[in-house]
Amino acid sequence: MSTLLEAQSKYQRIRIEDDWNHPNDWILYLDDLFQLSTWSEYKYHESLITMPMVVAPSIDRIIICGGGDGMSLRESLRFKYCLPTLVELDPGMLQIFRDMPEYAKYNDNSFKNERANIIVGDAVKYLEQPFESKWNMIVWDFPGPKDDDSDAGLYTYSNLNNAINNLHEEGVFVTHVSIPIPVMYNLVKTLRDRGFYCWTYDAYYSLDGAHDSFLVASRHPLVKQRNIPSESRWATNDRVRLAFSNATELTDEKSEYFMHFLDMGEFEQ
């Protein structure tokens, strides 16, 4: 691969390289960990943003925690009544994906959209404060924790509860859960203990099974509320209907199986 951009910000090493498997596309790495390929990222971001926004009761106030590449923000702005807030820790990411036209075009210049409220700061700490109006949707768009039982990263019990406390009664919580480690079980357990329904669904990228998994939680069943944006390429009515069906809901029985599959025994928060 040839390197298109490499920078060391205050928080991480940012590297963009040609995607040799897909001409004219590129791959983003943060601290040498794969984040996205422009060849397939639409499947990820439509699964993370578009599909839950189609079923969320209200979408006027949503907060995206992380997401400094602007792709999640792009998807949220395709719903014309949405006024999204994005909180990104690393200004270095914003300098690339807001200020460099060759990369900003991939997020449709979403950081410069007048409907978007961009905050540079720690999203976890930002959600510790009380808000006058609670959020209709909270998107936990952080890198997943490492595949290590001891590494909870940003997915700790206290962080999740601070977020949930600022979620509207009819609000929706969304994240990706692609790594089946105890931290992910704790995420589901925390939400279900607080009275949430939980659904999981996948976005597949190749015939060999490469995929990401997503978790959506709400205190109420979710059904289609609004049309899928015309720009969408992955989200469809059938995928939305299946994603929030009985087949994908994490019931008590399925959650217990998940814990058994991880060979956890008793998991302490």
C-alpha atoms as a PDB file:
ATOM      1  CA  MET A   1       0.000   0.000   0.000  1.00  0.00           C
ATOM      2  CA  SER A   2       1.092   3.565  -0.605  1.00  0.00           C
ATOM      3  CA  THR A   3       0.593   6.072   2.177  1.00  0.00           C
ATOM      4  CA  LEU A   4      -1.558   9.067   1.243  1.00  0.00           C
ATOM      5  CA  LEU A   5      -1.417  10.823   4.607  1.00  0.00           C
ATOM      6  CA  GLU A   6       0.290  10.213   7.928  1.00  0.00           C
ATOM      7  CA  ALA A   7       0.040  12.429  10.992  1.00  0.00           C
ATOM      8  CA  GLN A   8       0.590  12.179  14.725  1.00  0.00           C
ATOM      9  CA  SER A   9      -2.062  14.106  16.635  1.00  0.00           C
ATOM     10  CA  LYS A  10      -2.074  14.714  20.375  1.00  0.00           C
ATOM     11  CA  TYR A  11      -4.109  11.549  20.831  1.00  0.00           C
ATOM     12  CA  GLN A  12      -3.293   9.072  18.075  1.00  0.00           C
ATOM     13  CA  ARG A  13      -1.444   8.231  14.897  1.00  0.00           C
ATOM     14  CA  ILE A  14      -3.629   8.883  11.856  1.00  0.00           C
ATOM     15  CA  ARG A  15      -2.753   7.106   8.621  1.00  0.00           C
ATOM     16  CA  ILE A  16      -4.576   6.909   5.288  1.00  0.00           C
ATOM     17  CA  GLU A  17      -3.405   4.413   2.666  1.00  0.00           C
ATOM     18  CA  ASP A  18      -4.512   3.300  -0.777  1.00  0.00           C
ATOM     19  CA  ASP A  19      -6.824   0.295  -0.734  1.00  0.00           C
ATOM     20  CA  TRP A  20      -5.013  -1.957  -3.194  1.00  0.00           C
ATOM     21  CA  ASN A  21      -7.960  -4.330  -3.409  1.00  0.00           C
ATOM     22  CA  HIS A  22     -10.241  -1.533  -4.556  1.00  0.00           C
ATOM     23  CA  PRO A  23      -8.762   1.082  -6.895  1.00  0.00           C
ATOM     24  CA  ASN A  24      -9.639   4.719  -6.103  1.00  0.00           C
ATOM     25  CA  ASP A  25     -10.536   3.813  -2.489  1.00  0.00           C
ATOM     26  CA  TRP A  26      -8.514   4.292   0.674  1.00  0.00           C
ATOM     27  CA  ILE A  27      -8.279   2.886   4.208  1.00  0.00           C
ATOM     28  CA  LEU A  28      -8.122   4.822   7.483  1.00  0.00           C
ATOM     29  CA  TYR A  29      -5.972   3.486  10.331  1.00  0.00           C
ATOM     30  CA  LEU A  30      -5.799   4.909  13.854  1.00  0.00           C
ATOM     31  CA  ASP A  31      -2.777   3.746  15.854  1.00  0.00           C
ATOM     32  CA  ASP A  32      -2.296   1.103  13.138  1.00  0.00           C
ATOM     33  CA  LEU A  33      -5.789  -0.348  13.726  1.00  0.00           C
ATOM     34  CA  PHE A  34      -8.173  -0.552  10.764  1.00  0.00           C
ATOM     35  CA  GLN A  35     -11.086   1.872  11.021  1.00  0.00           C
ATOM     36  CA  LEU A  36     -12.751   2.011   7.608  1.00  0.00           C
ATOM     37  CA  SER A  37     -12.376   1.551   3.899  1.00  0.00           C
ATOM     38  CA  THR A  38     -14.174   3.973   1.622  1.00  0.00           C
ATOM     39  CA  TRP A  39     -15.136   0.934  -0.447  1.00  0.00           C
ATOM     40  CA  SER A  40     -17.387  -0.504   2.292  1.00  0.00           C
ATOM     41  CA  GLU A  41     -17.906   2.155   4.973  1.00  0.00           C
ATOM     42  CA  TYR A  42     -21.416   3.021   3.787  1.00  0.00           C
ATOM     43  CA  LYS A  43     -22.634  -0.385   4.976  1.00  0.00           C
ATOM     44  CA  TYR A  44     -21.208   0.263   8.434  1.00  0.00           C
ATOM     45  CA  HIS A  45     -22.486   3.815   8.776  1.00  0.00           C
ATOM     46  CA  GLU A  46     -25.939   3.151   7.374  1.00  0.00           C
ATOM     47  CA  SER A  47     -26.241   0.245   9.826  1.00  0.00           C
ATOM     48  CA  LEU A  48     -25.055   2.426  12.715  1.00  0.00           C
ATOM     49  CA  ILE A  49     -26.990   5.591  11.860  1.00  0.00           C
ATOM     50  CA  THR A  50     -29.572   5.263   9.100  1.00  0.00           C
ATOM     51  CA  MET A  51     -31.368   2.101  10.201  1.00  0.00           C
ATOM     52  CA  PRO A  52     -31.951   3.193  13.830  1.00  0.00           C
ATOM     53  CA  MET A  53     -32.910   6.699  12.697  1.00  0.00           C
ATOM     54  CA  VAL A  54     -35.611   5.209  10.484  1.00  0.00           C
ATOM     55  CA  VAL A  55     -37.268   3.608  13.538  1.00  0.00           C
ATOM     56  CA  ALA A  56     -36.464   6.105  16.314  1.00  0.00           C
ATOM     57  CA  PRO A  57     -39.599   7.920  17.577  1.00  0.00           C
ATOM     58  CA  SER A  58     -37.802  11.293  17.348  1.00  0.00           C
ATOM     59  CA  ILE A  59     -34.544  12.304  15.695  1.00  0.00           C
ATOM     60  CA  ASP A  60     -34.358  16.056  16.166  1.00  0.00           C
ATOM     61  CA  ARG A  61     -31.750  15.770  18.978  1.00  0.00           C
ATOM     62  CA  ILE A  62     -29.111  13.123  18.413  1.00  0.00           C
ATOM     63  CA  ILE A  63     -25.550  13.024  19.700  1.00  0.00           C
ATOM     64  CA  ILE A  64     -22.711  11.171  18.008  1.00  0.00           C
ATOM     65  CA  CYS A  65     -19.925  10.366  20.462  1.00  0.00           C
ATOM     66  CA  GLY A  66     -16.726  10.076  18.446  1.00  0.00           C
ATOM     67  CA  GLY A  67     -17.004   9.700  14.687  1.00  0.00           C
ATOM     68  CA  GLY A  68     -14.265  12.168  13.785  1.00  0.00           C
ATOM     69  CA  ASP A  69     -14.199  11.026  10.152  1.00  0.00           C
ATOM     70  CA  GLY A  70     -17.646  12.596   9.686  1.00  0.00           C
ATOM     71  CA  MET A  71     -19.251   9.581   8.000  1.00  0.00           C
ATOM     72  CA  SER A  72     -21.812   9.055  10.796  1.00  0.00           C
ATOM     73  CA  LEU A  73     -22.586  12.765  10.749  1.00  0.00           C
ATOM     74  CA  ARG A  74     -23.125  12.563   6.978  1.00  0.00           C
ATOM     75  CA  GLU A  75     -25.753   9.856   7.412  1.00  0.00           C
ATOM     76  CA  SER A  76     -27.601  11.738  10.164  1.00  0.00           C
ATOM     77  CA  LEU A  77     -27.788  14.912   8.041  1.00  0.00           C
ATOM     78  CA  ARG A  78     -29.606  13.014   5.300  1.00  0.00           C
ATOM     79  CA  PHE A  79     -32.671  13.280   7.561  1.00  0.00           C
ATOM     80  CA  LYS A  80     -33.626  16.906   7.021  1.00  0.00           C
ATOM     81  CA  TYR A  81     -35.251  17.455  10.434  1.00  0.00           C
ATOM     82  CA  CYS A  82     -32.252  16.157  12.369  1.00  0.00           C
ATOM     83  CA  LEU A  83     -30.049  18.599  14.298  1.00  0.00           C
ATOM     84  CA  PRO A  84     -27.080  16.410  15.215  1.00  0.00           C
ATOM     85  CA  THR A  85     -24.348  17.131  17.729  1.00  0.00           C
ATOM     86  CA  LEU A  86     -20.981  15.428  17.302  1.00  0.00           C
ATOM     87  CA  VAL A  87     -18.394  15.365  20.085  1.00  0.00           C
ATOM     88  CA  GLU A  88     -14.891  14.440  18.911  1.00  0.00           C
ATOM     89  CA  LEU A  89     -11.842  14.358  21.170  1.00  0.00           C
ATOM     90  CA  ASP A  90      -9.168  14.724  18.508  1.00  0.00           C
ATOM     91  CA  PRO A  91      -8.943  18.043  16.622  1.00  0.00           C
ATOM     92  CA  GLY A  92      -6.464  16.348  14.314  1.00  0.00           C
ATOM     93  CA  MET A  93      -9.284  14.231  12.892  1.00  0.00           C
ATOM     94  CA  LEU A  94     -11.356  17.352  12.269  1.00  0.00           C
ATOM     95  CA  GLN A  95      -8.471  19.084  10.506  1.00  0.00           C
ATOM     96  CA  ILE A  96      -8.294  16.208   8.042  1.00  0.00           C
ATOM     97  CA  PHE A  97     -11.963  15.398   7.513  1.00  0.00           C
ATOM     98  CA  ARG A  98     -13.282  18.960   7.740  1.00  0.00           C
ATOM     99  CA  ASP A  99     -10.505  21.079   6.261  1.00  0.00           C
ATOM    100  CA  MET A 100      -8.911  18.882   3.580  1.00  0.00           C
ATOM    101  CA  PRO A 101     -11.270  18.810   0.555  1.00  0.00           C
ATOM    102  CA  GLU A 102      -9.927  15.508  -0.772  1.00  0.00           C
ATOM    103  CA  TYR A 103     -11.175  13.777   2.403  1.00  0.00           C
ATOM    104  CA  ALA A 104     -14.056  16.052   3.413  1.00  0.00           C
ATOM    105  CA  LYS A 105     -15.854  15.140   0.184  1.00  0.00           C
ATOM    106  CA  TYR A 106     -16.351  11.598   1.497  1.00  0.00           C
ATOM    107  CA  ASN A 107     -18.501  12.876   4.362  1.00  0.00           C
ATOM    108  CA  ASP A 108     -20.302  15.362   2.093  1.00  0.00           C
ATOM    109  CA  ASN A 109     -18.614  18.241   3.962  1.00  0.00           C
ATOM    110  CA  SER A 110     -20.822  17.382   6.911  1.00  0.00           C
ATOM    111  CA  PHE A 111     -18.675  19.259   9.440  1.00  0.00           C
ATOM    112  CA  LYS A 112     -19.510  22.507   7.640  1.00  0.00           C
ATOM    113  CA  ASN A 113     -23.252  21.846   7.493  1.00  0.00           C
ATOM    114  CA  GLU A 114     -25.147  24.578   9.345  1.00  0.00           C
ATOM    115  CA  ARG A 115     -27.396  22.014  11.055  1.00  0.00           C
ATOM    116  CA  ALA A 116     -24.431  20.250  12.665  1.00  0.00           C
ATOM    117  CA  ASN A 117     -23.153  21.236  16.116  1.00  0.00           C
ATOM    118  CA  ILE A 118     -19.498  20.192  16.427  1.00  0.00           C
ATOM    119  CA  ILE A 119     -17.854  20.056  19.860  1.00  0.00           C
ATOM    120  CA  VAL A 120     -14.173  19.299  20.369  1.00  0.00           C
ATOM    121  CA  GLY A 121     -13.893  17.437  23.642  1.00  0.00           C
ATOM    122  CA  ASP A 122     -14.349  14.216  25.584  1.00  0.00           C
ATOM    123  CA  ALA A 123     -17.795  12.840  24.739  1.00  0.00           C
ATOM    124  CA  VAL A 124     -17.898  10.628  27.830  1.00  0.00           C
ATOM    125  CA  LYS A 125     -17.289  13.597  30.126  1.00  0.00           C
ATOM    126  CA  TYR A 126     -19.704  15.693  28.088  1.00  0.00           C
ATOM    127  CA  LEU A 127     -22.485  13.200  28.832  1.00  0.00           C
ATOM    128  CA  GLU A 128     -21.770  13.312  32.570  1.00  0.00           C
ATOM    129  CA  GLN A 129     -23.492  16.685  32.804  1.00  0.00           C
ATOM    130  CA  PRO A 130     -27.274  17.075  33.127  1.00  0.00           C
ATOM    131  CA  PHE A 131     -29.051  18.419  30.061  1.00  0.00           C
ATOM    132  CA  GLU A 132     -32.185  20.542  30.032  1.00  0.00           C
ATOM    133  CA  SER A 133     -33.525  18.419  27.169  1.00  0.00           C
ATOM    134  CA  LYS A 134     -32.579  14.764  26.912  1.00  0.00           C
ATOM    135  CA  TRP A 135     -31.267  13.155  23.748  1.00  0.00           C
ATOM    136  CA  ASN A 136     -33.523  11.322  21.303  1.00  0.00           C
ATOM    137  CA  MET A 137     -30.625   9.161  20.148  1.00  0.00           C
ATOM    138  CA  ILE A 138     -27.132   8.530  21.508  1.00  0.00           C
ATOM    139  CA  VAL A 139     -24.602   6.962  19.143  1.00  0.00           C
ATOM    140  CA  TRP A 140     -21.561   5.398  20.841  1.00  0.00           C
ATOM    141  CA  ASP A 141     -19.294   5.685  17.776  1.00  0.00           C
ATOM    142  CA  PHE A 142     -16.027   4.781  19.463  1.00  0.00           C
ATOM    143  CA  PRO A 143     -13.437   2.199  18.477  1.00  0.00           C
ATOM    144  CA  GLY A 144     -14.354  -1.108  20.107  1.00  0.00           C
ATOM    145  CA  PRO A 145     -12.405  -2.295  23.136  1.00  0.00           C
ATOM    146  CA  LYS A 146      -9.459  -4.586  22.545  1.00  0.00           C
ATOM    147  CA  ASP A 147     -10.078  -8.329  22.501  1.00  0.00           C
ATOM    148  CA  ASP A 148      -8.941  -8.604  26.083  1.00  0.00           C
ATOM    149  CA  ASP A 149     -11.253  -9.416  28.996  1.00  0.00           C
ATOM    150  CA  SER A 150      -9.704  -6.703  31.147  1.00  0.00           C
ATOM    151  CA  ASP A 151     -10.006  -3.847  28.674  1.00  0.00           C
ATOM    152  CA  ALA A 152     -13.379  -2.153  29.038  1.00  0.00           C
ATOM    153  CA  GLY A 153     -12.140   0.982  27.316  1.00  0.00           C
ATOM    154  CA  LEU A 154     -15.005   3.436  26.966  1.00  0.00           C
ATOM    155  CA  TYR A 155     -17.654   0.752  27.578  1.00  0.00           C
ATOM    156  CA  THR A 156     -17.604   0.775  31.381  1.00  0.00           C
ATOM    157  CA  TYR A 157     -20.700   0.450  33.556  1.00  0.00           C
ATOM    158  CA  SER A 158     -20.423   4.048  34.801  1.00  0.00           C
ATOM    159  CA  ASN A 159     -19.903   5.518  31.312  1.00  0.00           C
ATOM    160  CA  LEU A 160     -22.911   3.667  29.929  1.00  0.00           C
ATOM    161  CA  ASN A 161     -25.140   4.678  32.813  1.00  0.00           C
ATOM    162  CA  ASN A 162     -24.165   8.337  32.457  1.00  0.00           C
ATOM    163  CA  ALA A 163     -25.182   8.139  28.817  1.00  0.00           C
ATOM    164  CA  ILE A 164     -28.448   6.324  29.528  1.00  0.00           C
ATOM    165  CA  ASN A 165     -29.344   8.892  32.184  1.00  0.00           C
ATOM    166  CA  ASN A 166     -29.346  11.559  29.472  1.00  0.00           C
ATOM    167  CA  LEU A 167     -31.485   9.552  27.050  1.00  0.00           C
ATOM    168  CA  HIS A 168     -35.126  10.491  26.534  1.00  0.00           C
ATOM    169  CA  GLU A 169     -37.717   7.961  27.757  1.00  0.00           C
ATOM    170  CA  GLU A 170     -38.448   7.132  24.106  1.00  0.00           C
ATOM    171  CA  GLY A 171     -34.828   7.514  23.065  1.00  0.00           C
ATOM    172  CA  VAL A 172     -32.553   5.042  21.280  1.00  0.00           C
ATOM    173  CA  PHE A 173     -29.005   3.999  22.149  1.00  0.00           C
ATOM    174  CA  VAL A 174     -26.781   2.673  19.333  1.00  0.00           C
ATOM    175  CA  THR A 175     -23.296   1.186  19.148  1.00  0.00           C
ATOM    176  CA  HIS A 176     -21.314  -1.518  17.364  1.00  0.00           C
ATOM    177  CA  VAL A 177     -20.569  -4.783  19.168  1.00  0.00           C
ATOM    178  CA  SER A 178     -18.265  -6.570  16.787  1.00  0.00           C
ATOM    179  CA  ILE A 179     -15.942  -8.093  19.396  1.00  0.00           C
ATOM    180  CA  PRO A 180     -17.609 -10.889  21.473  1.00  0.00           C
ATOM    181  CA  ILE A 181     -15.816 -10.297  24.771  1.00  0.00           C
ATOM    182  CA  PRO A 182     -17.247  -9.900  28.295  1.00  0.00           C
ATOM    183  CA  VAL A 183     -17.323  -6.111  27.925  1.00  0.00           C
ATOM    184  CA  MET A 184     -19.968  -6.578  25.245  1.00  0.00           C
ATOM    185  CA  TYR A 185     -22.051  -8.800  27.485  1.00  0.00           C
ATOM    186  CA  ASN A 186     -21.806  -6.165  30.204  1.00  0.00           C
ATOM    187  CA  LEU A 187     -23.117  -3.605  27.725  1.00  0.00           C
ATOM    188  CA  VAL A 188     -26.196  -5.717  27.003  1.00  0.00           C
ATOM    189  CA  LYS A 189     -26.715  -6.573  30.689  1.00  0.00           C
ATOM    190  CA  THR A 190     -26.491  -2.915  31.707  1.00  0.00           C
ATOM    191  CA  LEU A 191     -29.103  -1.907  29.150  1.00  0.00           C
ATOM    192  CA  ARG A 192     -31.470  -4.778  29.906  1.00  0.00           C
ATOM    193  CA  ASP A 193     -31.201  -4.148  33.656  1.00  0.00           C
ATOM    194  CA  ARG A 194     -32.321  -0.585  32.965  1.00  0.00           C
ATOM    195  CA  GLY A 195     -35.445  -1.800  31.152  1.00  0.00           C
ATOM    196  CA  PHE A 196     -34.288  -1.668  27.538  1.00  0.00           C
ATOM    197  CA  TYR A 197     -35.138  -3.951  24.658  1.00  0.00           C
ATOM    198  CA  CYS A 198     -31.950  -4.826  22.731  1.00  0.00           C
ATOM    199  CA  TRP A 199     -31.549  -5.860  19.093  1.00  0.00           C
ATOM    200  CA  THR A 200     -28.438  -6.951  17.193  1.00  0.00           C
ATOM    201  CA  TYR A 201     -27.876  -7.187  13.443  1.00  0.00           C
ATOM    202  CA  ASP A 202     -24.934  -7.430  11.047  1.00  0.00           C
ATOM    203  CA  ALA A 203     -23.490  -5.765   7.965  1.00  0.00           C
ATOM    204  CA  TYR A 204     -21.475  -8.153   5.799  1.00  0.00           C
ATOM    205  CA  TYR A 205     -18.601  -6.971   3.616  1.00  0.00           C
ATOM    206  CA  SER A 206     -17.420 -10.110   1.849  1.00  0.00           C
ATOM    207  CA  LEU A 207     -18.387 -13.677   1.005  1.00  0.00           C
ATOM    208  CA  ASP A 208     -15.865 -14.998   3.532  1.00  0.00           C
ATOM    209  CA  GLY A 209     -17.950 -13.640   6.403  1.00  0.00           C
ATOM    210  CA  ALA A 210     -16.196 -10.360   7.232  1.00  0.00           C
ATOM    211  CA  HIS A 211     -18.788  -8.229   9.008  1.00  0.00           C
ATOM    212  CA  ASP A 212     -19.617  -5.780  11.790  1.00  0.00           C
ATOM    213  CA  SER A 213     -22.369  -6.241  14.349  1.00  0.00           C
ATOM    214  CA  PHE A 214     -24.544  -3.521  15.853  1.00  0.00           C
ATOM    215  CA  LEU A 215     -26.594  -3.094  19.007  1.00  0.00           C
ATOM    216  CA  VAL A 216     -29.680  -0.886  19.247  1.00  0.00           C
ATOM    217  CA  ALA A 217     -31.517  -0.406  22.540  1.00  0.00           C
ATOM    218  CA  SER A 218     -34.841   1.237  23.374  1.00  0.00           C
ATOM    219  CA  ARG A 219     -37.345   1.043  26.214  1.00  0.00           C
ATOM    220  CA  HIS A 220     -40.069   0.428  23.621  1.00  0.00           C
ATOM    221  CA  PRO A 221     -40.449  -1.769  20.535  1.00  0.00           C
ATOM    222  CA  LEU A 222     -39.172  -0.053  17.398  1.00  0.00           C
ATOM    223  CA  VAL A 223     -41.005   0.089  14.074  1.00  0.00           C
ATOM    224  CA  LYS A 224     -40.527   2.157  10.944  1.00  0.00           C
ATOM    225  CA  GLN A 225     -41.313   5.838  11.512  1.00  0.00           C
ATOM    226  CA  ARG A 226     -39.894   7.538   8.419  1.00  0.00           C
ATOM    227  CA  ASN A 227     -38.576   6.833   4.958  1.00  0.00           C
ATOM    228  CA  ILE A 228     -35.046   5.732   4.207  1.00  0.00           C
ATOM    229  CA  PRO A 229     -33.066   8.577   2.581  1.00  0.00           C
ATOM    230  CA  SER A 230     -32.805   8.299  -1.184  1.00  0.00           C
ATOM    231  CA  GLU A 231     -28.988   8.408  -0.970  1.00  0.00           C
ATOM    232  CA  SER A 232     -28.853   5.185   1.047  1.00  0.00           C
ATOM    233  CA  ARG A 233     -27.238   2.176  -0.625  1.00  0.00           C
ATOM    234  CA  TRP A 234     -27.337  -0.463   2.139  1.00  0.00           C
ATOM    235  CA  ALA A 235     -30.355   0.327   4.306  1.00  0.00           C
ATOM    236  CA  THR A 236     -33.592  -1.089   2.894  1.00  0.00           C
ATOM    237  CA  ASN A 237     -37.102  -1.580   4.225  1.00  0.00           C
ATOM    238  CA  ASP A 238     -36.491  -5.322   4.482  1.00  0.00           C
ATOM    239  CA  ARG A 239     -33.237  -4.883   6.416  1.00  0.00           C
ATOM    240  CA  VAL A 240     -34.875  -2.408   8.785  1.00  0.00           C
ATOM    241  CA  ARG A 241     -37.836  -4.705   9.386  1.00  0.00           C
ATOM    242  CA  LEU A 242     -35.598  -7.700  10.117  1.00  0.00           C
ATOM    243  CA  ALA A 243     -33.166  -5.709  12.283  1.00  0.00           C
ATOM    244  CA  PHE A 244     -35.905  -4.802  14.777  1.00  0.00           C
ATOM    245  CA  SER A 245     -37.846  -8.068  14.717  1.00  0.00           C
ATOM    246  CA  ASN A 246     -38.230 -10.852  17.263  1.00  0.00           C
ATOM    247  CA  ALA A 247     -35.530 -12.766  15.394  1.00  0.00           C
ATOM    248  CA  THR A 248     -32.840 -10.232  16.315  1.00  0.00           C
ATOM    249  CA  GLU A 249     -34.016  -9.247  19.814  1.00  0.00           C
ATOM    250  CA  LEU A 250     -31.681 -10.244  22.638  1.00  0.00           C
ATOM    251  CA  THR A 251     -34.033 -11.975  25.079  1.00  0.00           C
ATOM    252  CA  ASP A 252     -33.002 -13.313  28.504  1.00  0.00           C
ATOM    253  CA  GLU A 253     -32.403 -16.720  26.976  1.00  0.00           C
ATOM    254  CA  LYS A 254     -30.215 -15.347  24.183  1.00  0.00           C
ATOM    255  CA  SER A 255     -28.268 -13.160  26.629  1.00  0.00           C
ATOM    256  CA  GLU A 256     -27.578 -16.150  28.870  1.00  0.00           C
ATOM    257  CA  TYR A 257     -26.391 -18.120  25.848  1.00  0.00           C
ATOM    258  CA  PHE A 258     -24.103 -15.252  24.932  1.00  0.00           C
ATOM    259  CA  MET A 259     -22.540 -15.351  28.405  1.00  0.00           C
ATOM    260  CA  HIS A 260     -22.148 -19.134  28.206  1.00  0.00           C
ATOM    261  CA  PHE A 261     -20.556 -18.820  24.775  1.00  0.00           C
ATOM    262  CA  LEU A 262     -17.957 -16.473  26.259  1.00  0.00           C
ATOM    263  CA  ASP A 263     -17.306 -18.983  29.083  1.00  0.00           C
ATOM    264  CA  MET A 264     -17.624 -16.159  31.560  1.00  0.00           C
ATOM    265  CA  GLY A 265     -19.263 -17.662  34.582  1.00  0.00           C
ATOM    266  CA  GLU A 266     -20.329 -14.800  36.831  1.00  0.00           C
ATOM    267  CA  PHE A 267     -19.363 -11.450  35.392  1.00  0.00           C
ATOM    268  CA  GLU A 268     -18.809  -8.642  37.857  1.00  0.00           C
ATOM    269  CA  GLN A 269     -19.500  -5.054  36.968  1.00  0.00           C
END
